Amino acid sequence: MPQTAEEKRAYRKAYREKNKEKIAAQKKAYREQNKEKERARQKEYYENNKEKIAAREKAYREGNKEKIAAKDKAYREKNKQKIAAGRKEHYEKNKEKIALWIKAYSQTEQGMKVRRISKWKYYGVICDDWNALYEKYKNTTHCEDCGVLLTEDKRNTKTTRCLDHNHQTGEFRNILCHSCNVRRG
């Protein structure tokens, strides 16, 4: 029998190496027997430490943004077809719900804002602060060129509110009525 601490460590290490499969089987059996107890313990720990866990996760995400992004990108590249198939299957199962949700969302203030900003980006408008530009767009009541009262119409009329921009540089110029915007070219 080993006497010194060094001999004891060496003995335990040799025992673990010799009985790897047996030890793994014992651990697995123990986990199976105590699965429910372990789940309850984990749930209780989570309930008691929600804020602490959330703060730790947020700090980790903030400190490892590039690492997480690279890992996510690698996963998406590796599993493109699987992800696409899952999305397609989800869409097919939930077509009606999705259509209703999109219709309802597009009529909310946030949905209209997202759609409007997406259009501006598509048209080539360049901006540093989209929220500020949208607020200026929504709060401008009169054409900045001719002074006519601006309207929000589904179809373009002479007084429909428009965002004017330079088509070569993409730079925002003014909020105009549709007539002035067309005249500027």
C-alpha atoms as a PDB file:
ATOM      1  CA  MET A   1       0.000   0.000   0.000  1.00  0.00           C
ATOM      2  CA  PRO A   2       1.354   3.485  -0.884  1.00  0.00           C
ATOM      3  CA  GLN A   3       2.479   5.679   2.012  1.00  0.00           C
ATOM      4  CA  THR A   4       3.494   9.084   0.698  1.00  0.00           C
ATOM      5  CA  ALA A   5       1.213  11.587  -1.029  1.00  0.00           C
ATOM      6  CA  GLU A   6       3.148  11.108  -4.278  1.00  0.00           C
ATOM      7  CA  GLU A   7       2.703   7.325  -4.115  1.00  0.00           C
ATOM      8  CA  LYS A   8      -1.025   7.721  -3.392  1.00  0.00           C
ATOM      9  CA  ARG A   9      -1.508  10.036  -6.397  1.00  0.00           C
ATOM     10  CA  ALA A  10       0.375   7.650  -8.670  1.00  0.00           C
ATOM     11  CA  TYR A  11      -1.650   4.702  -7.357  1.00  0.00           C
ATOM     12  CA  ARG A  12      -4.982   6.504  -7.965  1.00  0.00           C
ATOM     13  CA  LYS A  13      -3.899   7.554 -11.446  1.00  0.00           C
ATOM     14  CA  ALA A  14      -2.868   4.000 -12.338  1.00  0.00           C
ATOM     15  CA  TYR A  15      -6.167   2.671 -10.960  1.00  0.00           C
ATOM     16  CA  ARG A  16      -8.185   5.176 -13.041  1.00  0.00           C
ATOM     17  CA  GLU A  17      -6.233   4.296 -16.189  1.00  0.00           C
ATOM     18  CA  LYS A  18      -6.694   0.562 -15.598  1.00  0.00           C
ATOM     19  CA  ASN A  19     -10.438   0.819 -14.850  1.00  0.00           C
ATOM     20  CA  LYS A  20     -11.533   3.596 -17.258  1.00  0.00           C
ATOM     21  CA  GLU A  21     -14.554   1.777 -18.705  1.00  0.00           C
ATOM     22  CA  LYS A  22     -15.725   0.538 -15.320  1.00  0.00           C
ATOM     23  CA  ILE A  23     -15.533   4.035 -13.800  1.00  0.00           C
ATOM     24  CA  ALA A  24     -17.343   5.572 -16.815  1.00  0.00           C
ATOM     25  CA  ALA A  25     -20.125   2.978 -16.512  1.00  0.00           C
ATOM     26  CA  GLN A  26     -20.472   3.674 -12.787  1.00  0.00           C
ATOM     27  CA  LYS A  27     -20.688   7.437 -13.405  1.00  0.00           C
ATOM     28  CA  LYS A  28     -23.299   6.914 -16.116  1.00  0.00           C
ATOM     29  CA  ALA A  29     -25.392   4.650 -13.880  1.00  0.00           C
ATOM     30  CA  TYR A  30     -25.176   7.176 -11.039  1.00  0.00           C
ATOM     31  CA  ARG A  31     -26.278  10.016 -13.336  1.00  0.00           C
ATOM     32  CA  GLU A  32     -29.232   7.949 -14.601  1.00  0.00           C
ATOM     33  CA  GLN A  33     -30.332   7.111 -11.060  1.00  0.00           C
ATOM     34  CA  ASN A  34     -30.103  10.727  -9.905  1.00  0.00           C
ATOM     35  CA  LYS A  35     -31.296  12.501 -13.065  1.00  0.00           C
ATOM     36  CA  GLU A  36     -34.479  13.926 -11.530  1.00  0.00           C
ATOM     37  CA  LYS A  37     -32.722  14.979  -8.330  1.00  0.00           C
ATOM     38  CA  GLU A  38     -29.993  16.738 -10.360  1.00  0.00           C
ATOM     39  CA  ARG A  39     -32.574  18.517 -12.548  1.00  0.00           C
ATOM     40  CA  ALA A  40     -34.408  19.740  -9.453  1.00  0.00           C
ATOM     41  CA  ARG A  41     -31.118  20.948  -7.934  1.00  0.00           C
ATOM     42  CA  GLN A  42     -30.190  22.802 -11.155  1.00  0.00           C
ATOM     43  CA  LYS A  43     -33.644  24.379 -11.401  1.00  0.00           C
ATOM     44  CA  GLU A  44     -33.493  25.534  -7.781  1.00  0.00           C
ATOM     45  CA  TYR A  45     -30.004  26.976  -8.314  1.00  0.00           C
ATOM     46  CA  TYR A  46     -31.193  28.829 -11.423  1.00  0.00           C
ATOM     47  CA  GLU A  47     -34.256  30.242  -9.659  1.00  0.00           C
ATOM     48  CA  ASN A  48     -32.107  31.489  -6.763  1.00  0.00           C
ATOM     49  CA  ASN A  49     -29.412  33.013  -9.018  1.00  0.00           C
ATOM     50  CA  LYS A  50     -31.221  34.312 -12.131  1.00  0.00           C
ATOM     51  CA  GLU A  51     -29.795  37.841 -11.981  1.00  0.00           C
ATOM     52  CA  LYS A  52     -26.276  36.640 -11.230  1.00  0.00           C
ATOM     53  CA  ILE A  53     -26.389  34.137 -14.126  1.00  0.00           C
ATOM     54  CA  ALA A  54     -27.796  36.719 -16.542  1.00  0.00           C
ATOM     55  CA  ALA A  55     -25.092  39.234 -15.582  1.00  0.00           C
ATOM     56  CA  ARG A  56     -22.354  36.611 -15.993  1.00  0.00           C
ATOM     57  CA  GLU A  57     -23.708  35.570 -19.418  1.00  0.00           C
ATOM     58  CA  LYS A  58     -23.986  39.202 -20.544  1.00  0.00           C
ATOM     59  CA  ALA A  59     -20.420  39.922 -19.436  1.00  0.00           C
ATOM     60  CA  TYR A  60     -19.202  36.823 -21.299  1.00  0.00           C
ATOM     61  CA  ARG A  61     -21.055  37.842 -24.488  1.00  0.00           C
ATOM     62  CA  GLU A  62     -19.703  41.400 -24.263  1.00  0.00           C
ATOM     63  CA  GLY A  63     -16.137  40.194 -23.751  1.00  0.00           C
ATOM     64  CA  ASN A  64     -16.240  37.539 -26.468  1.00  0.00           C
ATOM     65  CA  LYS A  65     -18.274  39.115 -29.285  1.00  0.00           C
ATOM     66  CA  GLU A  66     -15.775  38.247 -32.027  1.00  0.00           C
ATOM     67  CA  LYS A  67     -15.267  34.708 -30.756  1.00  0.00           C
ATOM     68  CA  ILE A  68     -19.033  34.082 -30.557  1.00  0.00           C
ATOM     69  CA  ALA A  69     -19.620  35.625 -33.991  1.00  0.00           C
ATOM     70  CA  ALA A  70     -16.884  33.454 -35.530  1.00  0.00           C
ATOM     71  CA  LYS A  71     -18.291  30.336 -33.877  1.00  0.00           C
ATOM     72  CA  ASP A  72     -21.838  31.156 -35.074  1.00  0.00           C
ATOM     73  CA  LYS A  73     -20.598  31.855 -38.593  1.00  0.00           C
ATOM     74  CA  ALA A  74     -18.690  28.563 -38.706  1.00  0.00           C
ATOM     75  CA  TYR A  75     -21.794  26.698 -37.505  1.00  0.00           C
ATOM     76  CA  ARG A  76     -23.988  28.366 -40.133  1.00  0.00           C
ATOM     77  CA  GLU A  77     -21.481  27.586 -42.883  1.00  0.00           C
ATOM     78  CA  LYS A  78     -21.224  23.962 -41.803  1.00  0.00           C
ATOM     79  CA  ASN A  79     -25.007  23.495 -41.469  1.00  0.00           C
ATOM     80  CA  LYS A  80     -26.404  25.666 -44.297  1.00  0.00           C
ATOM     81  CA  GLN A  81     -28.643  22.987 -45.752  1.00  0.00           C
ATOM     82  CA  LYS A  82     -29.881  21.786 -42.379  1.00  0.00           C
ATOM     83  CA  ILE A  83     -30.753  25.359 -41.335  1.00  0.00           C
ATOM     84  CA  ALA A  84     -32.478  26.090 -44.654  1.00  0.00           C
ATOM     85  CA  ALA A  85     -34.494  22.863 -44.418  1.00  0.00           C
ATOM     86  CA  GLY A  86     -35.533  23.711 -40.856  1.00  0.00           C
ATOM     87  CA  ARG A  87     -36.629  27.205 -41.852  1.00  0.00           C
ATOM     88  CA  LYS A  88     -38.574  25.888 -44.819  1.00  0.00           C
ATOM     89  CA  GLU A  89     -40.278  23.239 -42.679  1.00  0.00           C
ATOM     90  CA  HIS A  90     -41.151  25.846 -40.040  1.00  0.00           C
ATOM     91  CA  TYR A  91     -42.558  28.171 -42.688  1.00  0.00           C
ATOM     92  CA  GLU A  92     -44.670  25.411 -44.258  1.00  0.00           C
ATOM     93  CA  LYS A  93     -46.087  24.431 -40.861  1.00  0.00           C
ATOM     94  CA  ASN A  94     -46.882  28.010 -39.858  1.00  0.00           C
ATOM     95  CA  LYS A  95     -47.703  29.766 -43.147  1.00  0.00           C
ATOM     96  CA  GLU A  96     -51.023  31.212 -42.021  1.00  0.00           C
ATOM     97  CA  LYS A  97     -49.768  32.348 -38.614  1.00  0.00           C
ATOM     98  CA  ILE A  98     -46.732  33.994 -40.183  1.00  0.00           C
ATOM     99  CA  ALA A  99     -48.838  35.814 -42.781  1.00  0.00           C
ATOM    100  CA  LEU A 100     -51.166  37.141 -40.068  1.00  0.00           C
ATOM    101  CA  TRP A 101     -48.243  38.156 -37.878  1.00  0.00           C
ATOM    102  CA  ILE A 102     -46.512  40.000 -40.734  1.00  0.00           C
ATOM    103  CA  LYS A 103     -49.714  41.808 -41.646  1.00  0.00           C
ATOM    104  CA  ALA A 104     -50.315  42.820 -38.024  1.00  0.00           C
ATOM    105  CA  TYR A 105     -46.665  43.810 -37.443  1.00  0.00           C
ATOM    106  CA  SER A 106     -46.432  45.860 -40.623  1.00  0.00           C
ATOM    107  CA  GLN A 107     -49.277  48.052 -39.354  1.00  0.00           C
ATOM    108  CA  THR A 108     -47.594  48.831 -36.033  1.00  0.00           C
ATOM    109  CA  GLU A 109     -45.429  51.941 -35.627  1.00  0.00           C
ATOM    110  CA  GLN A 110     -42.299  49.788 -35.316  1.00  0.00           C
ATOM    111  CA  GLY A 111     -43.212  47.771 -38.410  1.00  0.00           C
ATOM    112  CA  MET A 112     -43.782  50.899 -40.484  1.00  0.00           C
ATOM    113  CA  LYS A 113     -40.479  52.322 -39.257  1.00  0.00           C
ATOM    114  CA  VAL A 114     -38.558  49.169 -40.168  1.00  0.00           C
ATOM    115  CA  ARG A 115     -40.173  49.002 -43.599  1.00  0.00           C
ATOM    116  CA  ARG A 116     -39.494  52.703 -44.305  1.00  0.00           C
ATOM    117  CA  ILE A 117     -35.819  52.503 -43.249  1.00  0.00           C
ATOM    118  CA  SER A 118     -35.374  49.326 -45.321  1.00  0.00           C
ATOM    119  CA  LYS A 119     -36.717  51.164 -48.373  1.00  0.00           C
ATOM    120  CA  TRP A 120     -34.325  54.056 -47.822  1.00  0.00           C
ATOM    121  CA  LYS A 121     -31.397  51.642 -47.599  1.00  0.00           C
ATOM    122  CA  TYR A 122     -32.567  49.914 -50.776  1.00  0.00           C
ATOM    123  CA  TYR A 123     -32.725  53.287 -52.556  1.00  0.00           C
ATOM    124  CA  GLY A 124     -29.117  54.000 -51.511  1.00  0.00           C
ATOM    125  CA  VAL A 125     -29.591  56.558 -48.751  1.00  0.00           C
ATOM    126  CA  ILE A 126     -26.532  56.676 -46.502  1.00  0.00           C
ATOM    127  CA  CYS A 127     -27.021  57.621 -42.849  1.00  0.00           C
ATOM    128  CA  ASP A 128     -25.209  57.326 -39.505  1.00  0.00           C
ATOM    129  CA  ASP A 129     -28.314  57.514 -37.308  1.00  0.00           C
ATOM    130  CA  TRP A 130     -31.416  55.948 -38.895  1.00  0.00           C
ATOM    131  CA  ASN A 131     -33.552  56.553 -35.819  1.00  0.00           C
ATOM    132  CA  ALA A 132     -32.854  60.301 -35.851  1.00  0.00           C
ATOM    133  CA  LEU A 133     -33.521  60.472 -39.594  1.00  0.00           C
ATOM    134  CA  TYR A 134     -36.813  58.613 -39.164  1.00  0.00           C
ATOM    135  CA  GLU A 135     -37.853  60.943 -36.324  1.00  0.00           C
ATOM    136  CA  LYS A 136     -37.061  63.975 -38.524  1.00  0.00           C
ATOM    137  CA  TYR A 137     -39.053  62.376 -41.354  1.00  0.00           C
ATOM    138  CA  LYS A 138     -42.093  61.702 -39.120  1.00  0.00           C
ATOM    139  CA  ASN A 139     -42.002  65.104 -37.373  1.00  0.00           C
ATOM    140  CA  THR A 140     -41.606  67.253 -40.479  1.00  0.00           C
ATOM    141  CA  THR A 141     -45.079  68.599 -41.233  1.00  0.00           C
ATOM    142  CA  HIS A 142     -44.326  70.947 -44.151  1.00  0.00           C
ATOM    143  CA  CYS A 143     -42.253  70.600 -47.315  1.00  0.00           C
ATOM    144  CA  GLU A 144     -38.804  72.107 -46.724  1.00  0.00           C
ATOM    145  CA  ASP A 145     -38.819  73.544 -50.265  1.00  0.00           C
ATOM    146  CA  CYS A 146     -42.315  74.917 -51.016  1.00  0.00           C
ATOM    147  CA  GLY A 147     -43.903  74.821 -47.529  1.00  0.00           C
ATOM    148  CA  VAL A 148     -47.008  72.772 -48.451  1.00  0.00           C
ATOM    149  CA  LEU A 149     -48.587  70.626 -45.687  1.00  0.00           C
ATOM    150  CA  LEU A 150     -47.286  67.047 -46.085  1.00  0.00           C
ATOM    151  CA  THR A 151     -49.589  64.008 -46.089  1.00  0.00           C
ATOM    152  CA  GLU A 152     -49.166  60.273 -45.564  1.00  0.00           C
ATOM    153  CA  ASP A 153     -50.961  58.510 -48.409  1.00  0.00           C
ATOM    154  CA  LYS A 154     -50.876  54.920 -49.649  1.00  0.00           C
ATOM    155  CA  ARG A 155     -50.429  56.247 -53.176  1.00  0.00           C
ATOM    156  CA  ASN A 156     -48.217  59.148 -54.127  1.00  0.00           C
ATOM    157  CA  THR A 157     -50.050  62.439 -54.414  1.00  0.00           C
ATOM    158  CA  LYS A 158     -48.562  65.911 -54.883  1.00  0.00           C
ATOM    159  CA  THR A 159     -48.333  66.400 -51.127  1.00  0.00           C
ATOM    160  CA  THR A 160     -47.040  62.954 -50.086  1.00  0.00           C
ATOM    161  CA  ARG A 161     -44.042  63.160 -47.752  1.00  0.00           C
ATOM    162  CA  CYS A 162     -40.735  62.087 -49.419  1.00  0.00           C
ATOM    163  CA  LEU A 163     -37.148  61.776 -48.275  1.00  0.00           C
ATOM    164  CA  ASP A 164     -34.914  63.520 -50.802  1.00  0.00           C
ATOM    165  CA  HIS A 165     -31.317  62.344 -51.270  1.00  0.00           C
ATOM    166  CA  ASN A 166     -28.416  62.787 -53.668  1.00  0.00           C
ATOM    167  CA  HIS A 167     -28.472  59.804 -56.016  1.00  0.00           C
ATOM    168  CA  GLN A 168     -24.706  59.895 -56.643  1.00  0.00           C
ATOM    169  CA  THR A 169     -23.500  60.135 -53.040  1.00  0.00           C
ATOM    170  CA  GLY A 170     -26.532  58.747 -51.186  1.00  0.00           C
ATOM    171  CA  GLU A 171     -26.478  61.779 -48.883  1.00  0.00           C
ATOM    172  CA  PHE A 172     -29.791  62.880 -47.312  1.00  0.00           C
ATOM    173  CA  ARG A 173     -30.888  66.385 -48.383  1.00  0.00           C
ATOM    174  CA  ASN A 174     -34.433  67.264 -47.274  1.00  0.00           C
ATOM    175  CA  ILE A 175     -37.951  66.136 -46.462  1.00  0.00           C
ATOM    176  CA  LEU A 176     -40.054  67.271 -49.417  1.00  0.00           C
ATOM    177  CA  CYS A 177     -43.485  66.890 -50.940  1.00  0.00           C
ATOM    178  CA  HIS A 178     -43.685  64.479 -53.862  1.00  0.00           C
ATOM    179  CA  SER A 179     -43.913  67.350 -56.383  1.00  0.00           C
ATOM    180  CA  CYS A 180     -40.695  69.030 -55.193  1.00  0.00           C
ATOM    181  CA  ASN A 181     -38.911  65.681 -55.000  1.00  0.00           C
ATOM    182  CA  VAL A 182     -39.798  64.879 -58.631  1.00  0.00           C
ATOM    183  CA  ARG A 183     -38.793  68.397 -59.739  1.00  0.00           C
ATOM    184  CA  ARG A 184     -35.349  68.001 -58.159  1.00  0.00           C
ATOM    185  CA  GLY A 185     -34.835  64.785 -60.129  1.00  0.00           C
END
